Amino acid sequence: MTTLLLIRHALCDPVGRSIAGRAPGVSLNERGLQQAETLAERLAELPISAMYSSPLERAVQTARPIAERRGLRVEQREGLNEIDFGDWTGKQLGELQLISQWQNFNTYRSGTRIPGGETMQDVLSRTLNELQDIVRLHSGSMVAVVSHGDVLRSIICHFLGISLDLMLRLEIEPASVSIVDLQPYGPRVLLVNGTEGWPGDLHRH
């Protein structure tokens, strides 16, 4: 059994306002940096054996305090990267609400391609491939993975057997933790969107 801690990066200024996408230089804001430190404290007693992250700054900044407490290296993996938002990168959410293809994307995630970017099927495929490699390297261990909100939604939908078209029904907050046990007979989703109230005795699971 391998346990995955699926962590969304902590808060940065574009969250809820605009599409940061893969644009460089988007770092955690002051609140986000505090969230990352608090998250590292919450996870302090868990036997995390490896730390993986999207290569984007905000994800690495979230992963680093968790890794440093254990003397681990943050392994950056391209497969954990944010959605390639293509032509929508940098646009304000209010601006996108006026675009019919944006509306289509948010109701038909399984079949709508972002202009110049990915489909959610693309995202799910490359993220699953990355996670399968991570699990192969760390079979029987607990591994922490820092990625992005919709990337994690797609993975959790996959493990739950839910259509990608329904993924926005899942709340995945900044600095939240979702937990999945991968067992020979299939995945068990133990927690979705864990924040301050999630159980502190998972290390005994």
N, C-alpha and C. Protein backbone atom coordinates (compact mmCIF):
# COMPACT_ATOMS: atom_id res chain seq x y z
N MET A 1 0.84 -1.20 0.00
CA MET A 1 0.00 0.00 0.00
C MET A 1 0.87 1.24 0.00
N THR A 2 0.58 2.16 -0.88
CA THR A 2 1.26 3.46 -0.92
C THR A 2 0.24 4.55 -0.62
N THR A 3 0.59 5.46 0.26
CA THR A 3 -0.31 6.56 0.62
C THR A 3 0.18 7.84 -0.04
N LEU A 4 -0.70 8.50 -0.77
CA LEU A 4 -0.39 9.77 -1.41
C LEU A 4 -1.07 10.91 -0.67
N LEU A 5 -0.29 11.89 -0.25
CA LEU A 5 -0.84 13.14 0.26
C LEU A 5 -0.85 14.12 -0.92
N LEU A 6 -2.03 14.43 -1.40
CA LEU A 6 -2.18 15.30 -2.56
C LEU A 6 -2.47 16.72 -2.07
N ILE A 7 -1.50 17.59 -2.23
CA ILE A 7 -1.53 18.91 -1.61
C ILE A 7 -1.67 19.99 -2.68
N ARG A 8 -2.63 20.86 -2.49
CA ARG A 8 -2.69 22.04 -3.36
C ARG A 8 -1.75 23.10 -2.80
N HIS A 9 -1.06 23.80 -3.69
CA HIS A 9 -0.17 24.87 -3.24
C HIS A 9 -0.93 25.90 -2.42
N ALA A 10 -0.21 26.60 -1.58
CA ALA A 10 -0.81 27.63 -0.72
C ALA A 10 -1.17 28.87 -1.55
N LEU A 11 -1.69 29.86 -0.87
CA LEU A 11 -2.33 31.00 -1.54
C LEU A 11 -1.32 31.89 -2.27
N CYS A 12 -1.72 32.28 -3.48
CA CYS A 12 -1.00 33.32 -4.23
C CYS A 12 -2.04 34.32 -4.73
N ASP A 13 -1.59 35.49 -5.12
CA ASP A 13 -2.53 36.57 -5.45
C ASP A 13 -3.54 36.24 -6.54
N PRO A 14 -3.19 35.49 -7.59
CA PRO A 14 -4.18 35.24 -8.64
C PRO A 14 -5.35 34.34 -8.24
N VAL A 15 -5.24 33.59 -7.15
CA VAL A 15 -6.29 32.63 -6.79
C VAL A 15 -7.63 33.35 -6.67
N GLY A 16 -8.62 32.86 -7.43
CA GLY A 16 -9.95 33.44 -7.39
C GLY A 16 -10.11 34.72 -8.20
N ARG A 17 -9.01 35.16 -8.86
CA ARG A 17 -9.06 36.42 -9.60
C ARG A 17 -8.72 36.27 -11.07
N SER A 18 -7.65 35.53 -11.33
CA SER A 18 -7.16 35.43 -12.69
C SER A 18 -6.52 34.06 -12.91
N ILE A 19 -6.16 33.76 -14.15
CA ILE A 19 -5.54 32.50 -14.52
C ILE A 19 -4.02 32.67 -14.52
N ALA A 20 -3.37 32.18 -13.48
CA ALA A 20 -1.91 32.25 -13.45
C ALA A 20 -1.30 31.25 -14.42
N GLY A 21 -1.94 30.07 -14.52
CA GLY A 21 -1.44 29.05 -15.43
C GLY A 21 0.01 28.72 -15.16
N ARG A 22 0.79 28.62 -16.23
CA ARG A 22 2.21 28.31 -16.11
C ARG A 22 3.09 29.54 -16.24
N ALA A 23 2.50 30.72 -16.10
CA ALA A 23 3.30 31.95 -16.18
C ALA A 23 4.37 31.94 -15.09
N PRO A 24 5.59 32.32 -15.41
CA PRO A 24 6.66 32.33 -14.40
C PRO A 24 6.49 33.47 -13.41
N GLY A 25 7.12 33.31 -12.26
CA GLY A 25 7.18 34.39 -11.29
C GLY A 25 5.97 34.57 -10.41
N VAL A 26 5.06 33.59 -10.39
CA VAL A 26 3.89 33.68 -9.52
C VAL A 26 4.22 32.96 -8.22
N SER A 27 4.49 33.72 -7.19
CA SER A 27 4.93 33.17 -5.90
C SER A 27 3.81 33.25 -4.88
N LEU A 28 3.99 32.56 -3.78
CA LEU A 28 3.05 32.67 -2.67
C LEU A 28 3.05 34.09 -2.12
N ASN A 29 1.87 34.56 -1.73
CA ASN A 29 1.82 35.85 -1.04
C ASN A 29 2.10 35.64 0.45
N GLU A 30 2.01 36.71 1.21
CA GLU A 30 2.37 36.62 2.63
C GLU A 30 1.51 35.59 3.36
N ARG A 31 0.21 35.61 3.08
CA ARG A 31 -0.66 34.63 3.72
C ARG A 31 -0.30 33.21 3.27
N GLY A 32 0.01 33.06 1.99
CA GLY A 32 0.37 31.75 1.47
C GLY A 32 1.64 31.19 2.11
N LEU A 33 2.62 32.04 2.33
CA LEU A 33 3.85 31.59 2.98
C LEU A 33 3.56 31.10 4.40
N GLN A 34 2.64 31.78 5.09
CA GLN A 34 2.26 31.33 6.43
C GLN A 34 1.48 30.02 6.35
N GLN A 35 0.62 29.90 5.35
CA GLN A 35 -0.12 28.65 5.17
C GLN A 35 0.85 27.48 4.96
N ALA A 36 1.89 27.71 4.18
CA ALA A 36 2.86 26.65 3.91
C ALA A 36 3.57 26.21 5.18
N GLU A 37 3.93 27.15 6.03
CA GLU A 37 4.58 26.82 7.29
C GLU A 37 3.63 26.08 8.22
N THR A 38 2.39 26.54 8.28
CA THR A 38 1.38 25.88 9.12
C THR A 38 1.12 24.46 8.64
N LEU A 39 1.06 24.30 7.33
CA LEU A 39 0.85 22.97 6.75
C LEU A 39 2.00 22.04 7.13
N ALA A 40 3.22 22.52 7.06
CA ALA A 40 4.37 21.70 7.43
C ALA A 40 4.28 21.26 8.89
N GLU A 41 3.79 22.15 9.74
CA GLU A 41 3.61 21.79 11.16
C GLU A 41 2.53 20.71 11.32
N ARG A 42 1.43 20.84 10.57
CA ARG A 42 0.35 19.86 10.67
C ARG A 42 0.79 18.48 10.21
N LEU A 43 1.70 18.45 9.24
CA LEU A 43 2.16 17.18 8.70
C LEU A 43 3.40 16.63 9.41
N ALA A 44 3.84 17.32 10.44
CA ALA A 44 5.15 17.02 11.03
C ALA A 44 5.28 15.59 11.53
N GLU A 45 4.19 15.00 12.03
CA GLU A 45 4.29 13.67 12.61
C GLU A 45 4.05 12.54 11.61
N LEU A 46 3.70 12.88 10.40
CA LEU A 46 3.44 11.85 9.40
C LEU A 46 4.74 11.33 8.79
N PRO A 47 4.83 10.04 8.52
CA PRO A 47 6.08 9.43 8.03
C PRO A 47 6.27 9.62 6.52
N ILE A 48 6.38 10.84 6.10
CA ILE A 48 6.55 11.15 4.67
C ILE A 48 7.97 10.77 4.25
N SER A 49 8.08 9.95 3.22
CA SER A 49 9.40 9.46 2.80
C SER A 49 9.94 10.17 1.58
N ALA A 50 9.09 10.89 0.85
CA ALA A 50 9.55 11.60 -0.35
C ALA A 50 8.62 12.78 -0.61
N MET A 51 9.17 13.81 -1.26
CA MET A 51 8.43 15.05 -1.50
C MET A 51 8.54 15.40 -2.98
N TYR A 52 7.39 15.44 -3.65
CA TYR A 52 7.35 15.76 -5.08
C TYR A 52 6.51 17.02 -5.28
N SER A 53 6.83 17.75 -6.37
CA SER A 53 6.14 19.01 -6.61
C SER A 53 6.07 19.33 -8.10
N SER A 54 5.03 20.04 -8.45
CA SER A 54 5.00 20.77 -9.73
C SER A 54 6.22 21.68 -9.78
N PRO A 55 6.76 21.96 -10.95
CA PRO A 55 7.93 22.84 -11.02
C PRO A 55 7.64 24.32 -10.83
N LEU A 56 6.38 24.72 -10.74
CA LEU A 56 6.07 26.15 -10.61
C LEU A 56 6.41 26.66 -9.22
N GLU A 57 6.79 27.94 -9.14
CA GLU A 57 7.31 28.52 -7.90
C GLU A 57 6.38 28.32 -6.72
N ARG A 58 5.08 28.57 -6.92
CA ARG A 58 4.14 28.52 -5.81
C ARG A 58 4.01 27.11 -5.23
N ALA A 59 4.18 26.10 -6.08
CA ALA A 59 4.13 24.72 -5.60
C ALA A 59 5.41 24.36 -4.85
N VAL A 60 6.56 24.72 -5.41
CA VAL A 60 7.84 24.43 -4.75
C VAL A 60 7.93 25.14 -3.41
N GLN A 61 7.44 26.37 -3.34
CA GLN A 61 7.45 27.11 -2.07
C GLN A 61 6.58 26.43 -1.02
N THR A 62 5.52 25.79 -1.45
CA THR A 62 4.65 25.07 -0.52
C THR A 62 5.31 23.78 -0.06
N ALA A 63 5.99 23.11 -0.97
CA ALA A 63 6.63 21.83 -0.65
C ALA A 63 7.86 21.99 0.24
N ARG A 64 8.58 23.07 0.08
CA ARG A 64 9.90 23.20 0.73
C ARG A 64 9.85 23.09 2.25
N PRO A 65 8.94 23.77 2.95
CA PRO A 65 8.94 23.62 4.42
C PRO A 65 8.65 22.20 4.88
N ILE A 66 7.82 21.48 4.14
CA ILE A 66 7.53 20.08 4.49
C ILE A 66 8.79 19.24 4.33
N ALA A 67 9.49 19.45 3.23
CA ALA A 67 10.70 18.68 2.95
C ALA A 67 11.82 19.00 3.92
N GLU A 68 11.99 20.28 4.23
CA GLU A 68 13.11 20.70 5.07
C GLU A 68 13.03 20.10 6.47
N ARG A 69 11.83 19.91 6.98
CA ARG A 69 11.67 19.32 8.31
C ARG A 69 12.19 17.88 8.35
N ARG A 70 12.29 17.25 7.20
CA ARG A 70 12.68 15.84 7.13
C ARG A 70 14.03 15.63 6.44
N GLY A 71 14.65 16.71 6.03
CA GLY A 71 15.90 16.58 5.30
C GLY A 71 15.71 15.98 3.92
N LEU A 72 14.52 16.19 3.34
CA LEU A 72 14.22 15.66 2.02
C LEU A 72 14.47 16.71 0.94
N ARG A 73 14.68 16.24 -0.26
CA ARG A 73 14.79 17.10 -1.42
C ARG A 73 13.42 17.21 -2.08
N VAL A 74 13.06 18.39 -2.56
CA VAL A 74 11.83 18.56 -3.33
C VAL A 74 12.11 18.14 -4.77
N GLU A 75 11.51 17.04 -5.17
CA GLU A 75 11.70 16.53 -6.53
C GLU A 75 10.64 17.16 -7.43
N GLN A 76 11.06 17.96 -8.40
CA GLN A 76 10.13 18.63 -9.29
C GLN A 76 9.82 17.74 -10.49
N ARG A 77 8.54 17.57 -10.77
CA ARG A 77 8.11 16.70 -11.86
C ARG A 77 7.17 17.46 -12.80
N GLU A 78 7.47 17.44 -14.07
CA GLU A 78 6.68 18.15 -15.07
C GLU A 78 5.25 17.62 -15.15
N GLY A 79 5.08 16.32 -14.90
CA GLY A 79 3.74 15.74 -14.96
C GLY A 79 2.78 16.27 -13.92
N LEU A 80 3.30 16.94 -12.89
CA LEU A 80 2.47 17.52 -11.83
C LEU A 80 2.16 18.99 -12.08
N ASN A 81 2.58 19.50 -13.22
CA ASN A 81 2.45 20.91 -13.53
C ASN A 81 0.99 21.35 -13.63
N GLU A 82 0.79 22.65 -13.55
CA GLU A 82 -0.52 23.25 -13.73
C GLU A 82 -1.05 22.94 -15.13
N ILE A 83 -2.35 23.05 -15.30
CA ILE A 83 -2.94 22.97 -16.64
C ILE A 83 -2.26 23.98 -17.55
N ASP A 84 -2.01 23.59 -18.79
CA ASP A 84 -1.56 24.55 -19.78
C ASP A 84 -2.80 25.32 -20.26
N PHE A 85 -2.95 26.53 -19.75
CA PHE A 85 -4.12 27.33 -20.07
C PHE A 85 -3.99 28.10 -21.38
N GLY A 86 -2.91 27.92 -22.09
CA GLY A 86 -2.77 28.47 -23.42
C GLY A 86 -3.13 29.94 -23.51
N ASP A 87 -4.08 30.26 -24.39
CA ASP A 87 -4.46 31.65 -24.65
C ASP A 87 -5.14 32.32 -23.46
N TRP A 88 -5.58 31.52 -22.49
CA TRP A 88 -6.27 32.11 -21.33
C TRP A 88 -5.31 32.50 -20.21
N THR A 89 -4.05 32.16 -20.34
CA THR A 89 -3.08 32.48 -19.29
C THR A 89 -3.02 33.99 -19.07
N GLY A 90 -3.15 34.39 -17.81
CA GLY A 90 -3.08 35.81 -17.44
C GLY A 90 -4.39 36.55 -17.50
N LYS A 91 -5.43 35.93 -18.03
CA LYS A 91 -6.71 36.63 -18.15
C LYS A 91 -7.46 36.65 -16.82
N GLN A 92 -8.21 37.72 -16.60
CA GLN A 92 -9.04 37.84 -15.42
C GLN A 92 -10.26 36.93 -15.55
N LEU A 93 -10.72 36.37 -14.42
CA LEU A 93 -11.87 35.48 -14.47
C LEU A 93 -13.12 36.18 -14.98
N GLY A 94 -13.28 37.44 -14.60
CA GLY A 94 -14.43 38.20 -15.08
C GLY A 94 -14.44 38.34 -16.59
N GLU A 95 -13.28 38.49 -17.16
CA GLU A 95 -13.14 38.58 -18.61
C GLU A 95 -13.50 37.26 -19.28
N LEU A 96 -13.06 36.17 -18.68
CA LEU A 96 -13.32 34.85 -19.25
C LEU A 96 -14.79 34.48 -19.19
N GLN A 97 -15.52 34.99 -18.21
CA GLN A 97 -16.94 34.66 -18.09
C GLN A 97 -17.73 35.06 -19.33
N LEU A 98 -17.21 35.97 -20.13
CA LEU A 98 -17.90 36.45 -21.32
C LEU A 98 -17.58 35.61 -22.54
N ILE A 99 -16.70 34.62 -22.40
CA ILE A 99 -16.26 33.80 -23.53
C ILE A 99 -17.00 32.46 -23.50
N SER A 100 -17.68 32.13 -24.58
CA SER A 100 -18.49 30.91 -24.60
C SER A 100 -17.63 29.66 -24.42
N GLN A 101 -16.42 29.65 -24.94
CA GLN A 101 -15.59 28.45 -24.80
C GLN A 101 -15.15 28.23 -23.35
N TRP A 102 -15.01 29.30 -22.58
CA TRP A 102 -14.73 29.17 -21.16
C TRP A 102 -15.93 28.53 -20.45
N GLN A 103 -17.12 28.95 -20.81
CA GLN A 103 -18.32 28.34 -20.24
C GLN A 103 -18.41 26.87 -20.61
N ASN A 104 -18.07 26.55 -21.85
CA ASN A 104 -18.05 25.15 -22.27
C ASN A 104 -17.04 24.35 -21.47
N PHE A 105 -15.89 24.93 -21.27
CA PHE A 105 -14.81 24.25 -20.52
C PHE A 105 -15.26 23.90 -19.12
N ASN A 106 -16.05 24.74 -18.51
CA ASN A 106 -16.47 24.52 -17.13
C ASN A 106 -17.72 23.67 -16.99
N THR A 107 -18.34 23.31 -18.10
CA THR A 107 -19.48 22.38 -18.05
C THR A 107 -19.18 21.06 -18.74
N TYR A 108 -18.20 21.07 -19.64
CA TYR A 108 -17.86 19.87 -20.40
C TYR A 108 -16.33 19.70 -20.37
N ARG A 109 -15.81 19.52 -19.16
CA ARG A 109 -14.36 19.42 -18.99
C ARG A 109 -13.76 18.23 -19.73
N SER A 110 -14.52 17.17 -19.88
CA SER A 110 -13.97 15.95 -20.48
C SER A 110 -13.73 16.09 -21.98
N GLY A 111 -14.30 17.11 -22.61
CA GLY A 111 -14.18 17.18 -24.06
C GLY A 111 -13.87 18.53 -24.64
N THR A 112 -13.53 19.52 -23.80
CA THR A 112 -13.26 20.87 -24.29
C THR A 112 -11.77 21.17 -24.20
N ARG A 113 -11.17 21.55 -25.31
CA ARG A 113 -9.76 21.93 -25.30
C ARG A 113 -9.62 23.43 -25.09
N ILE A 114 -8.73 23.81 -24.21
CA ILE A 114 -8.40 25.22 -24.02
C ILE A 114 -7.70 25.73 -25.28
N PRO A 115 -8.07 26.89 -25.79
CA PRO A 115 -7.39 27.42 -26.98
C PRO A 115 -5.87 27.53 -26.74
N GLY A 116 -5.12 26.79 -27.52
CA GLY A 116 -3.67 26.79 -27.38
C GLY A 116 -3.16 26.01 -26.18
N GLY A 117 -4.05 25.25 -25.53
CA GLY A 117 -3.66 24.53 -24.31
C GLY A 117 -4.14 23.10 -24.29
N GLU A 118 -4.40 22.58 -23.08
CA GLU A 118 -4.71 21.18 -22.86
C GLU A 118 -6.21 20.93 -22.73
N THR A 119 -6.59 19.67 -22.85
CA THR A 119 -7.88 19.20 -22.36
C THR A 119 -7.65 18.61 -20.97
N MET A 120 -8.73 18.44 -20.21
CA MET A 120 -8.58 17.80 -18.90
C MET A 120 -8.17 16.34 -19.04
N GLN A 121 -8.53 15.71 -20.14
CA GLN A 121 -8.07 14.35 -20.37
C GLN A 121 -6.54 14.32 -20.52
N ASP A 122 -5.99 15.33 -21.21
CA ASP A 122 -4.53 15.45 -21.30
C ASP A 122 -3.92 15.57 -19.91
N VAL A 123 -4.52 16.43 -19.11
CA VAL A 123 -4.01 16.69 -17.76
C VAL A 123 -4.04 15.41 -16.92
N LEU A 124 -5.18 14.74 -16.95
CA LEU A 124 -5.33 13.52 -16.16
C LEU A 124 -4.33 12.45 -16.60
N SER A 125 -4.16 12.29 -17.90
CA SER A 125 -3.26 11.26 -18.42
C SER A 125 -1.82 11.50 -17.96
N ARG A 126 -1.32 12.70 -18.12
CA ARG A 126 0.09 12.94 -17.76
C ARG A 126 0.30 12.94 -16.25
N THR A 127 -0.72 13.35 -15.49
CA THR A 127 -0.58 13.33 -14.04
C THR A 127 -0.62 11.90 -13.51
N LEU A 128 -1.52 11.09 -14.04
CA LEU A 128 -1.56 9.69 -13.64
C LEU A 128 -0.26 8.96 -13.97
N ASN A 129 0.30 9.24 -15.14
CA ASN A 129 1.58 8.63 -15.50
C ASN A 129 2.66 9.00 -14.50
N GLU A 130 2.67 10.27 -14.08
CA GLU A 130 3.66 10.72 -13.10
C GLU A 130 3.45 10.03 -11.76
N LEU A 131 2.20 9.96 -11.31
CA LEU A 131 1.92 9.33 -10.02
C LEU A 131 2.24 7.84 -10.04
N GLN A 132 1.98 7.19 -11.17
CA GLN A 132 2.33 5.77 -11.27
C GLN A 132 3.83 5.56 -11.12
N ASP A 133 4.62 6.45 -11.69
CA ASP A 133 6.07 6.36 -11.54
C ASP A 133 6.49 6.61 -10.10
N ILE A 134 5.87 7.59 -9.45
CA ILE A 134 6.18 7.89 -8.05
C ILE A 134 5.83 6.69 -7.16
N VAL A 135 4.67 6.10 -7.39
CA VAL A 135 4.26 4.94 -6.59
C VAL A 135 5.22 3.77 -6.81
N ARG A 136 5.65 3.58 -8.03
CA ARG A 136 6.61 2.50 -8.32
C ARG A 136 7.90 2.70 -7.53
N LEU A 137 8.35 3.95 -7.42
CA LEU A 137 9.60 4.25 -6.70
C LEU A 137 9.45 4.15 -5.19
N HIS A 138 8.22 4.31 -4.68
CA HIS A 138 8.02 4.42 -3.24
C HIS A 138 6.91 3.47 -2.76
N SER A 139 6.87 2.29 -3.30
CA SER A 139 5.85 1.33 -2.91
C SER A 139 5.90 1.06 -1.40
N GLY A 140 4.72 1.12 -0.77
CA GLY A 140 4.63 0.86 0.66
C GLY A 140 4.94 2.04 1.54
N SER A 141 5.14 3.22 0.95
CA SER A 141 5.51 4.41 1.73
C SER A 141 4.41 5.46 1.67
N MET A 142 4.62 6.54 2.43
CA MET A 142 3.77 7.72 2.35
C MET A 142 4.55 8.80 1.60
N VAL A 143 3.93 9.36 0.57
CA VAL A 143 4.59 10.34 -0.29
C VAL A 143 3.71 11.59 -0.38
N ALA A 144 4.34 12.75 -0.30
CA ALA A 144 3.63 14.02 -0.44
C ALA A 144 3.85 14.57 -1.84
N VAL A 145 2.76 15.07 -2.43
CA VAL A 145 2.78 15.58 -3.80
C VAL A 145 2.09 16.94 -3.80
N VAL A 146 2.78 17.98 -4.25
CA VAL A 146 2.19 19.32 -4.31
C VAL A 146 1.89 19.65 -5.77
N SER A 147 0.64 19.99 -6.04
CA SER A 147 0.25 20.34 -7.39
C SER A 147 -0.77 21.48 -7.33
N HIS A 148 -1.72 21.48 -8.26
CA HIS A 148 -2.62 22.61 -8.46
C HIS A 148 -4.07 22.15 -8.37
N GLY A 149 -4.96 23.09 -8.10
CA GLY A 149 -6.34 22.77 -7.76
C GLY A 149 -7.04 21.86 -8.75
N ASP A 150 -7.11 22.27 -10.01
CA ASP A 150 -7.85 21.47 -10.98
C ASP A 150 -7.11 20.19 -11.35
N VAL A 151 -5.80 20.20 -11.28
CA VAL A 151 -5.03 18.98 -11.51
C VAL A 151 -5.41 17.94 -10.46
N LEU A 152 -5.46 18.37 -9.20
CA LEU A 152 -5.82 17.45 -8.12
C LEU A 152 -7.28 17.04 -8.20
N ARG A 153 -8.15 17.95 -8.59
CA ARG A 153 -9.56 17.57 -8.78
C ARG A 153 -9.68 16.44 -9.80
N SER A 154 -8.94 16.54 -10.89
CA SER A 154 -9.04 15.50 -11.93
C SER A 154 -8.57 14.16 -11.40
N ILE A 155 -7.50 14.15 -10.61
CA ILE A 155 -6.98 12.90 -10.05
C ILE A 155 -7.98 12.29 -9.08
N ILE A 156 -8.54 13.11 -8.20
CA ILE A 156 -9.49 12.60 -7.21
C ILE A 156 -10.75 12.08 -7.90
N CYS A 157 -11.22 12.78 -8.93
CA CYS A 157 -12.36 12.28 -9.70
C CYS A 157 -12.05 10.92 -10.28
N HIS A 158 -10.85 10.74 -10.80
CA HIS A 158 -10.45 9.46 -11.37
C HIS A 158 -10.50 8.36 -10.30
N PHE A 159 -9.93 8.63 -9.14
CA PHE A 159 -9.90 7.62 -8.08
C PHE A 159 -11.30 7.31 -7.56
N LEU A 160 -12.20 8.28 -7.62
CA LEU A 160 -13.57 8.07 -7.15
C LEU A 160 -14.50 7.54 -8.24
N GLY A 161 -14.02 7.49 -9.48
CA GLY A 161 -14.87 7.04 -10.57
C GLY A 161 -15.92 8.06 -10.97
N ILE A 162 -15.56 9.35 -10.84
CA ILE A 162 -16.49 10.45 -11.16
C ILE A 162 -16.07 11.08 -12.48
N SER A 163 -17.04 11.45 -13.30
CA SER A 163 -16.75 12.12 -14.56
C SER A 163 -16.01 13.43 -14.34
N LEU A 164 -15.08 13.74 -15.23
CA LEU A 164 -14.38 15.03 -15.18
C LEU A 164 -15.35 16.20 -15.34
N ASP A 165 -16.50 15.95 -15.94
CA ASP A 165 -17.48 17.02 -16.10
C ASP A 165 -18.05 17.49 -14.77
N LEU A 166 -17.86 16.68 -13.72
CA LEU A 166 -18.38 17.03 -12.39
C LEU A 166 -17.28 17.49 -11.43
N MET A 167 -16.08 17.70 -11.94
CA MET A 167 -14.94 17.94 -11.04
C MET A 167 -15.06 19.22 -10.23
N LEU A 168 -15.77 20.21 -10.75
CA LEU A 168 -15.88 21.46 -10.01
C LEU A 168 -16.82 21.34 -8.81
N ARG A 169 -17.45 20.18 -8.64
CA ARG A 169 -18.22 19.95 -7.41
C ARG A 169 -17.31 19.67 -6.22
N LEU A 170 -16.04 19.38 -6.49
CA LEU A 170 -15.07 19.14 -5.42
C LEU A 170 -14.39 20.45 -5.04
N GLU A 171 -14.34 20.73 -3.76
CA GLU A 171 -13.60 21.89 -3.27
C GLU A 171 -12.19 21.45 -2.91
N ILE A 172 -11.20 22.11 -3.50
CA ILE A 172 -9.79 21.85 -3.17
C ILE A 172 -9.16 23.21 -2.87
N GLU A 173 -9.07 23.55 -1.60
CA GLU A 173 -8.61 24.87 -1.19
C GLU A 173 -7.09 24.97 -1.20
N PRO A 174 -6.56 26.19 -1.28
CA PRO A 174 -5.11 26.36 -1.14
C PRO A 174 -4.61 25.77 0.18
N ALA A 175 -3.49 25.07 0.10
CA ALA A 175 -2.83 24.43 1.26
C ALA A 175 -3.66 23.29 1.86
N SER A 176 -4.61 22.76 1.09
CA SER A 176 -5.39 21.62 1.58
C SER A 176 -4.68 20.32 1.23
N VAL A 177 -5.07 19.26 1.95
CA VAL A 177 -4.50 17.92 1.75
C VAL A 177 -5.63 16.94 1.46
N SER A 178 -5.48 16.20 0.39
CA SER A 178 -6.37 15.06 0.11
C SER A 178 -5.52 13.80 0.18
N ILE A 179 -6.10 12.72 0.68
CA ILE A 179 -5.30 11.52 0.97
C ILE A 179 -5.90 10.31 0.28
N VAL A 180 -5.04 9.58 -0.43
CA VAL A 180 -5.46 8.39 -1.15
C VAL A 180 -4.51 7.24 -0.81
N ASP A 181 -5.08 6.12 -0.43
CA ASP A 181 -4.32 4.87 -0.29
C ASP A 181 -4.45 4.09 -1.59
N LEU A 182 -3.32 3.71 -2.16
CA LEU A 182 -3.33 2.89 -3.36
C LEU A 182 -2.99 1.47 -2.96
N GLN A 183 -3.98 0.58 -3.07
CA GLN A 183 -3.83 -0.80 -2.66
C GLN A 183 -3.93 -1.71 -3.88
N PRO A 184 -3.51 -2.97 -3.77
CA PRO A 184 -3.54 -3.86 -4.93
C PRO A 184 -4.91 -3.99 -5.57
N TYR A 185 -5.98 -3.86 -4.77
CA TYR A 185 -7.33 -4.01 -5.33
C TYR A 185 -7.93 -2.67 -5.75
N GLY A 186 -7.17 -1.59 -5.61
CA GLY A 186 -7.66 -0.30 -6.06
C GLY A 186 -7.47 0.80 -5.03
N PRO A 187 -7.84 2.05 -5.38
CA PRO A 187 -7.62 3.18 -4.49
C PRO A 187 -8.71 3.31 -3.43
N ARG A 188 -8.31 3.85 -2.29
CA ARG A 188 -9.26 4.25 -1.24
C ARG A 188 -9.02 5.72 -0.94
N VAL A 189 -10.03 6.56 -1.16
CA VAL A 189 -9.91 7.98 -0.88
C VAL A 189 -10.27 8.20 0.58
N LEU A 190 -9.28 8.59 1.38
CA LEU A 190 -9.47 8.75 2.82
C LEU A 190 -9.90 10.15 3.21
N LEU A 191 -9.52 11.13 2.41
CA LEU A 191 -9.77 12.52 2.79
C LEU A 191 -9.74 13.38 1.53
N VAL A 192 -10.67 14.34 1.45
CA VAL A 192 -10.68 15.32 0.37
C VAL A 192 -10.71 16.71 0.98
N ASN A 193 -9.80 17.57 0.53
CA ASN A 193 -9.78 18.98 0.96
C ASN A 193 -9.59 19.14 2.46
N GLY A 194 -8.68 18.35 3.04
CA GLY A 194 -8.41 18.49 4.46
C GLY A 194 -7.71 19.80 4.77
N THR A 195 -8.28 20.55 5.69
CA THR A 195 -7.65 21.80 6.12
C THR A 195 -7.34 21.66 7.61
N GLU A 196 -7.61 22.66 8.40
CA GLU A 196 -7.20 22.61 9.80
C GLU A 196 -7.91 21.52 10.60
N GLY A 197 -9.10 21.12 10.15
CA GLY A 197 -9.86 20.16 10.95
C GLY A 197 -9.60 18.71 10.65
N TRP A 198 -8.67 18.40 9.72
CA TRP A 198 -8.53 16.99 9.36
C TRP A 198 -7.81 16.22 10.46
N PRO A 199 -8.08 14.92 10.58
CA PRO A 199 -7.58 14.14 11.71
C PRO A 199 -6.07 14.15 11.82
N GLY A 200 -5.58 14.24 13.04
CA GLY A 200 -4.15 14.30 13.29
C GLY A 200 -3.51 12.96 13.53
N ASP A 201 -4.28 11.86 13.47
CA ASP A 201 -3.71 10.55 13.79
C ASP A 201 -3.54 9.67 12.58
N LEU A 202 -3.43 10.28 11.38
CA LEU A 202 -3.28 9.49 10.17
C LEU A 202 -1.97 8.72 10.14
N HIS A 203 -0.97 9.17 10.90
CA HIS A 203 0.30 8.45 10.93
C HIS A 203 0.14 7.08 11.55
N ARG A 204 -0.98 6.86 12.25
CA ARG A 204 -1.22 5.54 12.84
C ARG A 204 -2.10 4.67 11.95
N HIS A 205 -2.51 5.24 10.78
CA HIS A 205 -3.40 4.50 9.88
C HIS A 205 -2.72 3.23 9.34
